[in-house]
Amino acid sequence: MKILLGFFIGMTVALLLVLTMNHSAPSVSADAAPAPVAVTTDTPSATLPDGMDVAGLMPDVKKIYNNALGGPYRQVETEITDPDIARYFRSYMDATGLDKVGLENK
């Protein structure tokens, strides 16, 4: 009995889903000509709605990576109070160049 009831409920949900999708789909006339789409290589954002550019939506991964790599070293350097450790850390940073990472884009 449970299997039969589950079958009818599943069929009802599937039928409602198909009818809803069919009702909300725009009707296409066979006589209507499709709107031409202009694709140019000069302005690819002209084909996107409202001038949205997909590349503009992506974060600058290189900048984020460089800031994440060099930022902690610059922060630690400001918190060192012992002059000997600060001098050693400064020589280490000059030798490795990690304090400069992330600043070349600013």
Protein backbone atom coordinates (compact mmCIF):
# COMPACT_ATOMS: atom_id res chain seq x y z
CA MET A 1 0.00 0.00 0.00
CA LYS A 2 2.85 2.41 0.86
CA ILE A 3 4.56 1.66 -2.44
CA LEU A 4 1.38 2.37 -4.40
CA LEU A 5 0.75 5.61 -2.49
CA GLY A 6 4.39 6.70 -3.04
CA PHE A 7 4.06 5.97 -6.75
CA PHE A 8 0.95 8.13 -7.11
CA ILE A 9 2.44 10.98 -5.08
CA GLY A 10 5.64 10.85 -7.15
CA MET A 11 3.69 10.85 -10.40
CA THR A 12 1.61 13.80 -9.22
CA VAL A 13 4.69 15.82 -8.27
CA ALA A 14 6.37 14.96 -11.58
CA LEU A 15 3.26 15.94 -13.54
CA LEU A 16 2.98 19.25 -11.68
CA LEU A 17 6.66 19.93 -12.31
CA VAL A 18 6.34 19.23 -16.04
CA LEU A 19 3.21 21.34 -16.35
CA THR A 20 4.82 24.22 -14.45
CA MET A 21 7.93 24.12 -16.62
CA ASN A 22 5.83 23.91 -19.79
CA HIS A 23 3.59 26.79 -18.70
CA SER A 24 6.47 29.10 -17.78
CA ALA A 25 8.45 28.43 -20.98
CA PRO A 26 8.04 31.21 -23.56
CA SER A 27 6.08 30.22 -26.61
CA VAL A 28 8.05 30.34 -29.83
CA SER A 29 6.32 30.93 -33.12
CA ALA A 30 7.63 29.15 -36.20
CA ASP A 31 7.20 32.36 -38.22
CA ALA A 32 9.21 34.53 -35.85
CA ALA A 33 12.79 35.14 -36.92
CA PRO A 34 15.44 34.92 -34.23
CA ALA A 35 17.00 38.19 -33.17
CA PRO A 36 20.48 38.62 -34.62
CA VAL A 37 23.33 38.54 -32.13
CA ALA A 38 26.30 40.74 -32.94
CA VAL A 39 29.54 39.24 -31.70
CA THR A 40 32.60 41.38 -32.07
CA THR A 41 36.10 40.76 -30.83
CA ASP A 42 36.69 44.44 -30.12
CA THR A 43 33.99 44.82 -27.49
CA PRO A 44 33.04 41.46 -25.96
CA SER A 45 31.13 43.20 -23.17
CA ALA A 46 28.71 44.63 -25.74
CA THR A 47 27.09 41.19 -26.08
CA LEU A 48 26.51 40.87 -22.33
CA PRO A 49 23.46 42.45 -20.73
CA ASP A 50 24.01 45.80 -19.02
CA GLY A 51 27.66 45.86 -20.07
CA MET A 52 28.65 43.22 -17.51
CA ASP A 53 32.11 41.79 -18.09
CA VAL A 54 32.77 38.31 -16.73
CA ALA A 55 36.47 39.03 -16.24
CA GLY A 56 35.53 42.07 -14.16
CA LEU A 57 33.53 39.90 -11.79
CA MET A 58 36.45 37.60 -10.99
CA PRO A 59 38.69 38.56 -8.07
CA ASP A 60 42.32 39.43 -8.67
CA VAL A 61 43.79 36.14 -7.47
CA LYS A 62 47.41 37.26 -7.90
CA LYS A 63 46.89 40.32 -5.72
CA ILE A 64 45.09 38.30 -3.05
CA TYR A 65 47.84 35.66 -3.08
CA ASN A 66 50.65 38.21 -2.85
CA ASN A 67 48.95 40.10 -0.02
CA ALA A 68 48.34 36.86 1.85
CA LEU A 69 51.98 35.86 1.41
CA GLY A 70 53.69 39.15 2.33
CA GLY A 71 51.14 40.71 4.67
CA PRO A 72 51.84 38.52 7.72
CA TYR A 73 55.59 39.23 7.52
CA ARG A 74 54.99 42.99 7.43
CA GLN A 75 52.57 42.69 10.37
CA VAL A 76 55.02 40.64 12.45
CA GLU A 77 57.78 43.17 11.81
CA THR A 78 55.70 45.94 13.40
CA GLU A 79 55.17 43.86 16.55
CA ILE A 80 58.82 42.92 17.27
CA THR A 81 60.11 44.88 20.28
CA ASP A 82 63.54 43.30 20.83
CA PRO A 83 66.14 45.21 18.75
CA ASP A 84 68.32 42.14 18.13
CA ILE A 85 65.39 40.08 16.88
CA ALA A 86 64.14 43.03 14.83
CA ARG A 87 67.58 43.43 13.20
CA TYR A 88 67.76 39.67 12.45
CA PHE A 89 64.20 39.71 11.08
CA ARG A 90 65.00 42.75 8.89
CA SER A 91 68.10 41.02 7.45
CA TYR A 92 66.01 37.88 6.85
CA MET A 93 63.33 39.90 5.07
CA ASP A 94 65.92 41.73 2.94
CA ALA A 95 67.53 38.41 1.98
CA THR A 96 64.26 36.67 1.05
CA GLY A 97 62.30 39.66 -0.27
CA LEU A 98 59.10 38.48 1.41
CA ASP A 99 58.33 41.94 2.77
CA LYS A 100 58.20 43.27 -0.80
CA VAL A 101 55.74 40.61 -1.98
CA GLY A 102 52.36 42.18 -2.60
CA LEU A 103 53.67 45.77 -2.68
CA GLU A 104 54.72 45.79 -6.33
CA ASN A 105 51.09 46.28 -7.45
CA LYS A 106 50.37 49.20 -5.12
